[in-house]
PDB file of N, CA and C in Angstrom:
ATOM      1  N   MET A   1       0.837  -1.215  -0.024  1.00  0.00           N
ATOM      2  CA  MET A   1      -0.010   0.009  -0.013  1.00  0.00           C
ATOM      3  C   MET A   1       0.880   1.247  -0.005  1.00  0.00           C
ATOM      4  N   ILE A   2       2.035   1.169   0.647  1.00  0.00           N
ATOM      5  CA  ILE A   2       2.856   2.340   0.758  1.00  0.00           C
ATOM      6  C   ILE A   2       3.607   2.617  -0.576  1.00  0.00           C
ATOM      7  N   ILE A   3       4.076   1.546  -1.311  1.00  0.00           N
ATOM      8  CA  ILE A   3       4.829   1.721  -2.470  1.00  0.00           C
ATOM      9  C   ILE A   3       4.089   2.498  -3.603  1.00  0.00           C
ATOM     10  N   PRO A   4       2.860   2.120  -3.960  1.00  0.00           N
ATOM     11  CA  PRO A   4       2.136   2.941  -4.988  1.00  0.00           C
ATOM     12  C   PRO A   4       1.922   4.377  -4.617  1.00  0.00           C
ATOM     13  N   ILE A   5       1.699   4.626  -3.302  1.00  0.00           N
ATOM     14  CA  ILE A   5       1.552   5.993  -2.845  1.00  0.00           C
ATOM     15  C   ILE A   5       2.795   6.821  -3.109  1.00  0.00           C
ATOM     16  N   THR A   6       3.938   6.231  -2.717  1.00  0.00           N
ATOM     17  CA  THR A   6       5.170   6.946  -2.974  1.00  0.00           C
ATOM     18  C   THR A   6       5.554   7.171  -4.461  1.00  0.00           C
ATOM     19  N   LEU A   7       5.111   6.167  -5.285  1.00  0.00           N
ATOM     20  CA  LEU A   7       5.265   6.263  -6.755  1.00  0.00           C
ATOM     21  C   LEU A   7       4.402   7.454  -7.276  1.00  0.00           C
ATOM     22  N   THR A   8       3.181   7.525  -6.824  1.00  0.00           N
ATOM     23  CA  THR A   8       2.314   8.588  -7.231  1.00  0.00           C
ATOM     24  C   THR A   8       2.914   9.988  -6.834  1.00  0.00           C
ATOM     25  N   ARG A   9       3.441   9.969  -5.597  1.00  0.00           N
ATOM     26  CA  ARG A   9       4.077  11.189  -5.040  1.00  0.00           C
ATOM     27  C   ARG A   9       5.241  11.610  -5.978  1.00  0.00           C
ATOM     28  N   LEU A  10       6.062  10.688  -6.371  1.00  0.00           N
ATOM     29  CA  LEU A  10       7.206  10.977  -7.227  1.00  0.00           C
ATOM     30  C   LEU A  10       6.757  11.487  -8.521  1.00  0.00           C
ATOM     31  N   THR A  11       5.767  10.855  -9.157  1.00  0.00           N
ATOM     32  CA  THR A  11       5.312  11.333 -10.458  1.00  0.00           C
ATOM     33  C   THR A  11       4.715  12.670 -10.396  1.00  0.00           C
ATOM     34  N   LEU A  12       3.967  12.954  -9.307  1.00  0.00           N
ATOM     35  CA  LEU A  12       3.392  14.229  -9.080  1.00  0.00           C
ATOM     36  C   LEU A  12       4.441  15.325  -8.972  1.00  0.00           C
ATOM     37  N   SER A  13       5.469  15.040  -8.124  1.00  0.00           N
ATOM     38  CA  SER A  13       6.544  16.043  -7.878  1.00  0.00           C
ATOM     39  C   SER A  13       7.279  16.261  -9.191  1.00  0.00           C
ATOM     40  N   LEU A  14       7.484  15.249  -9.985  1.00  0.00           N
ATOM     41  CA  LEU A  14       8.089  15.424 -11.309  1.00  0.00           C
ATOM     42  C   LEU A  14       7.308  16.325 -12.229  1.00  0.00           C
ATOM     43  N   LYS A  15       5.986  16.114 -12.212  1.00  0.00           N
ATOM     44  CA  LYS A  15       5.034  16.970 -12.982  1.00  0.00           C
ATOM     45  C   LYS A  15       5.153  18.416 -12.531  1.00  0.00           C
ATOM     46  N   PHE A  16       5.265  18.580 -11.236  1.00  0.00           N
ATOM     47  CA  PHE A  16       5.373  19.927 -10.675  1.00  0.00           C
ATOM     48  C   PHE A  16       6.627  20.611 -11.062  1.00  0.00           C
ATOM     49  N   PHE A  17       7.749  19.855 -11.145  1.00  0.00           N
ATOM     50  CA  PHE A  17       8.999  20.448 -11.558  1.00  0.00           C
ATOM     51  C   PHE A  17       8.988  20.891 -13.004  1.00  0.00           C
ATOM     52  N   LYS A  18       8.247  20.109 -13.805  1.00  0.00           N
ATOM     53  CA  LYS A  18       8.073  20.436 -15.248  1.00  0.00           C
ATOM     54  C   LYS A  18       7.358  21.768 -15.433  1.00  0.00           C
ATOM     55  N   ILE A  19       6.328  21.938 -14.581  1.00  0.00           N
ATOM     56  CA  ILE A  19       5.535  23.199 -14.669  1.00  0.00           C
ATOM     57  C   ILE A  19       6.376  24.324 -14.119  1.00  0.00           C
ATOM     58  N   HIS A  20       6.350  25.509 -14.745  1.00  0.00           N
ATOM     59  CA  HIS A  20       7.073  26.625 -14.210  1.00  0.00           C
ATOM     60  C   HIS A  20       6.372  27.160 -12.971  1.00  0.00           C
ATOM     61  N   ALA A  21       6.830  26.785 -11.845  1.00  0.00           N
ATOM     62  CA  ALA A  21       6.197  27.139 -10.552  1.00  0.00           C
ATOM     63  C   ALA A  21       6.617  28.430 -10.036  1.00  0.00           C
ATOM     64  N   TYR A  22       7.171  29.318 -10.851  1.00  0.00           N
ATOM     65  CA  TYR A  22       7.691  30.627 -10.339  1.00  0.00           C
ATOM     66  C   TYR A  22       6.587  31.644 -10.230  1.00  0.00           C
ATOM     67  N   SER A  23       5.571  31.558 -11.055  1.00  0.00           N
ATOM     68  CA  SER A  23       4.436  32.463 -10.936  1.00  0.00           C
ATOM     69  C   SER A  23       3.542  32.061  -9.820  1.00  0.00           C
ATOM     70  N   ASP A  24       2.899  33.060  -9.174  1.00  0.00           N
ATOM     71  CA  ASP A  24       2.017  32.833  -7.981  1.00  0.00           C
ATOM     72  C   ASP A  24       0.832  31.977  -8.347  1.00  0.00           C
ATOM     73  N   LYS A  25       0.301  32.203  -9.581  1.00  0.00           N
ATOM     74  CA  LYS A  25      -0.873  31.445  -9.964  1.00  0.00           C
ATOM     75  C   LYS A  25      -0.609  29.986 -10.075  1.00  0.00           C
ATOM     76  N   ASN A  26       0.489  29.619 -10.679  1.00  0.00           N
ATOM     77  CA  ASN A  26       0.903  28.199 -10.780  1.00  0.00           C
ATOM     78  C   ASN A  26       1.214  27.593  -9.412  1.00  0.00           C
ATOM     79  N   ARG A  27       1.766  28.329  -8.563  1.00  0.00           N
ATOM     80  CA  ARG A  27       2.174  27.903  -7.242  1.00  0.00           C
ATOM     81  C   ARG A  27       0.908  27.498  -6.430  1.00  0.00           C
ATOM     82  N   SER A  28      -0.067  28.411  -6.454  1.00  0.00           N
ATOM     83  CA  SER A  28      -1.312  28.143  -5.744  1.00  0.00           C
ATOM     84  C   SER A  28      -1.981  26.948  -6.308  1.00  0.00           C
ATOM     85  N   TYR A  29      -1.938  26.808  -7.652  1.00  0.00           N
ATOM     86  CA  TYR A  29      -2.570  25.623  -8.367  1.00  0.00           C
ATOM     87  C   TYR A  29      -1.911  24.300  -7.905  1.00  0.00           C
ATOM     88  N   LEU A  30      -0.596  24.370  -7.832  1.00  0.00           N
ATOM     89  CA  LEU A  30       0.175  23.156  -7.352  1.00  0.00           C
ATOM     90  C   LEU A  30      -0.180  22.775  -5.964  1.00  0.00           C
ATOM     91  N   ILE A  31      -0.313  23.787  -5.080  1.00  0.00           N
ATOM     92  CA  ILE A  31      -0.713  23.557  -3.704  1.00  0.00           C
ATOM     93  C   ILE A  31      -2.048  22.904  -3.587  1.00  0.00           C
ATOM     94  N   ILE A  32      -2.978  23.411  -4.402  1.00  0.00           N
ATOM     95  CA  ILE A  32      -4.336  22.804  -4.439  1.00  0.00           C
ATOM     96  C   ILE A  32      -4.283  21.432  -4.901  1.00  0.00           C
ATOM     97  N   LEU A  33      -3.512  21.152  -5.954  1.00  0.00           N
ATOM     98  CA  LEU A  33      -3.363  19.757  -6.454  1.00  0.00           C
ATOM     99  C   LEU A  33      -2.792  18.836  -5.416  1.00  0.00           C
ATOM    100  N   LEU A  34      -1.813  19.270  -4.657  1.00  0.00           N
ATOM    101  CA  LEU A  34      -1.161  18.491  -3.587  1.00  0.00           C
ATOM    102  C   LEU A  34      -2.177  18.150  -2.552  1.00  0.00           C
ATOM    103  N   ILE A  35      -2.987  19.173  -2.141  1.00  0.00           N
ATOM    104  CA  ILE A  35      -4.017  18.963  -1.067  1.00  0.00           C
ATOM    105  C   ILE A  35      -4.999  17.925  -1.620  1.00  0.00           C
ATOM    106  N   LEU A  36      -5.461  18.055  -2.859  1.00  0.00           N
ATOM    107  CA  LEU A  36      -6.404  17.140  -3.452  1.00  0.00           C
ATOM    108  C   LEU A  36      -5.888  15.702  -3.444  1.00  0.00           C
ATOM    109  N   ASN A  37      -4.591  15.566  -3.809  1.00  0.00           N
ATOM    110  CA  ASN A  37      -3.931  14.314  -3.905  1.00  0.00           C
ATOM    111  C   ASN A  37      -3.931  13.637  -2.471  1.00  0.00           C
ATOM    112  N   ASP A  38      -3.563  14.385  -1.470  1.00  0.00           N
ATOM    113  CA  ASP A  38      -3.511  13.878  -0.088  1.00  0.00           C
ATOM    114  C   ASP A  38      -4.956  13.428   0.304  1.00  0.00           C
ATOM    115  N   PHE A  39      -5.921  14.215  -0.030  1.00  0.00           N
ATOM    116  CA  PHE A  39      -7.286  13.921   0.308  1.00  0.00           C
ATOM    117  C   PHE A  39      -7.780  12.589  -0.324  1.00  0.00           C
ATOM    118  N   ASN A  40      -7.410  12.470  -1.615  1.00  0.00           N
ATOM    119  CA  ASN A  40      -7.723  11.266  -2.392  1.00  0.00           C
ATOM    120  C   ASN A  40      -7.085  10.034  -1.709  1.00  0.00           C
ATOM    121  N   LEU A  41      -5.849  10.187  -1.314  1.00  0.00           N
ATOM    122  CA  LEU A  41      -5.096   9.055  -0.658  1.00  0.00           C
ATOM    123  C   LEU A  41      -5.831   8.675   0.674  1.00  0.00           C
ATOM    124  N   MET A  42      -6.183   9.720   1.443  1.00  0.00           N
ATOM    125  CA  MET A  42      -6.896   9.482   2.717  1.00  0.00           C
ATOM    126  C   MET A  42      -8.238   8.739   2.494  1.00  0.00           C
ATOM    127  N   VAL A  43      -8.956   9.147   1.473  1.00  0.00           N
ATOM    128  CA  VAL A  43     -10.252   8.546   1.151  1.00  0.00           C
ATOM    129  C   VAL A  43     -10.094   7.086   0.696  1.00  0.00           C
ATOM    130  N   SER A  44      -9.088   6.864  -0.153  1.00  0.00           N
ATOM    131  CA  SER A  44      -8.848   5.490  -0.566  1.00  0.00           C
ATOM    132  C   SER A  44      -8.390   4.598   0.578  1.00  0.00           C
ATOM    133  N   LYS A  45      -7.577   5.081   1.503  1.00  0.00           N
ATOM    134  CA  LYS A  45      -7.179   4.330   2.659  1.00  0.00           C
ATOM    135  C   LYS A  45      -8.382   3.920   3.463  1.00  0.00           C
ATOM    136  N   LEU A  46      -9.289   4.919   3.744  1.00  0.00           N
ATOM    137  CA  LEU A  46     -10.468   4.631   4.515  1.00  0.00           C
ATOM    138  C   LEU A  46     -11.332   3.618   3.849  1.00  0.00           C
ATOM    139  N   PHE A  47     -11.493   3.786   2.517  1.00  0.00           N
ATOM    140  CA  PHE A  47     -12.320   2.849   1.722  1.00  0.00           C
ATOM    141  C   PHE A  47     -11.806   1.429   1.788  1.00  0.00           C
ATOM    142  N   PHE A  48     -10.446   1.291   1.628  1.00  0.00           N
ATOM    143  CA  PHE A  48      -9.847   0.018   1.648  1.00  0.00           C
ATOM    144  C   PHE A  48     -10.007  -0.640   3.049  1.00  0.00           C
ATOM    145  N   SER A  49      -9.821   0.122   4.130  1.00  0.00           N
ATOM    146  CA  SER A  49      -9.880  -0.367   5.450  1.00  0.00           C
ATOM    147  C   SER A  49     -11.394  -0.824   5.737  1.00  0.00           C
ATOM    148  N   LEU A  50     -12.305  -0.090   5.202  1.00  0.00           N
ATOM    149  CA  LEU A  50     -13.761  -0.426   5.347  1.00  0.00           C
ATOM    150  C   LEU A  50     -14.071  -1.779   4.656  1.00  0.00           C
ATOM    151  N   ILE A  51     -13.523  -1.943   3.452  1.00  0.00           N
ATOM    152  CA  ILE A  51     -13.698  -3.183   2.649  1.00  0.00           C
ATOM    153  C   ILE A  51     -13.094  -4.333   3.474  1.00  0.00           C
ATOM    154  N   ILE A  52     -11.854  -4.124   3.955  1.00  0.00           N
ATOM    155  CA  ILE A  52     -11.157  -5.230   4.725  1.00  0.00           C
ATOM    156  C   ILE A  52     -12.018  -5.623   5.945  1.00  0.00           C
ATOM    157  N   THR A  53     -12.518  -4.630   6.709  1.00  0.00           N
ATOM    158  CA  THR A  53     -13.303  -4.950   7.877  1.00  0.00           C
ATOM    159  C   THR A  53     -14.589  -5.723   7.499  1.00  0.00           C
ATOM    160  N   ILE A  54     -15.225  -5.289   6.410  1.00  0.00           N
ATOM    161  CA  ILE A  54     -16.410  -5.932   5.948  1.00  0.00           C
ATOM    162  C   ILE A  54     -16.059  -7.440   5.613  1.00  0.00           C
ATOM    163  N   ILE A  55     -15.054  -7.607   4.911  1.00  0.00           N
ATOM    164  CA  ILE A  55     -14.570  -9.006   4.506  1.00  0.00           C
ATOM    165  C   ILE A  55     -14.261  -9.811   5.763  1.00  0.00           C
ATOM    166  N   SER A  56     -13.576  -9.247   6.715  1.00  0.00           N
ATOM    167  CA  SER A  56     -13.171 -10.017   7.892  1.00  0.00           C
ATOM    168  C   SER A  56     -14.405 -10.240   8.877  1.00  0.00           C
ATOM    169  N   VAL A  57     -15.385  -9.432   8.811  1.00  0.00           N
ATOM    170  CA  VAL A  57     -16.573  -9.561   9.627  1.00  0.00           C
ATOM    171  C   VAL A  57     -17.599 -10.552   9.037  1.00  0.00           C
ATOM    172  N   THR A  58     -17.811 -10.526   7.775  1.00  0.00           N
ATOM    173  CA  THR A  58     -18.891 -11.303   7.117  1.00  0.00           C
ATOM    174  C   THR A  58     -18.748 -12.849   7.387  1.00  0.00           C
ATOM    175  N   PRO A  59     -17.559 -13.477   7.338  1.00  0.00           N
ATOM    176  CA  PRO A  59     -17.574 -14.946   7.652  1.00  0.00           C
ATOM    177  C   PRO A  59     -18.000 -15.268   9.020  1.00  0.00           C
ATOM    178  N   LYS A  60     -17.733 -14.411  10.004  1.00  0.00           N
ATOM    179  CA  LYS A  60     -18.182 -14.632  11.388  1.00  0.00           C
ATOM    180  C   LYS A  60     -19.741 -14.520  11.493  1.00  0.00           C
ATOM    181  N   THR A  61     -20.270 -13.670  10.797  1.00  0.00           N
ATOM    182  CA  THR A  61     -21.810 -13.492  10.872  1.00  0.00           C
ATOM    183  C   THR A  61     -22.488 -14.687  10.135  1.00  0.00           C
ATOM    184  N   LEU A  62     -21.803 -15.325   9.179  1.00  0.00           N
ATOM    185  CA  LEU A  62     -22.402 -16.418   8.441  1.00  0.00           C
ATOM    186  C   LEU A  62     -22.534 -17.674   9.289  1.00  0.00           C
ATOM    187  N   TYR A  63     -21.619 -17.864  10.181  1.00  0.00           N
ATOM    188  CA  TYR A  63     -21.645 -19.095  11.069  1.00  0.00           C
ATOM    189  C   TYR A  63     -22.760 -19.039  12.118  1.00  0.00           C
TER     190      TYR A  63
END
């Protein structure tokens, strides 16, 4: 789970370096993108944990 997240981080940072982040408009845009990326990661983590808990709980309820 950690490896793909770091890979996406690396690709995002590379994309950011390609963009000319010297102007204030681009800088704010990059910050917004970073925040959105972190939020997406958080949501996906929560979603996966929820699925895992459901999978682990269902066999017990079946018996």
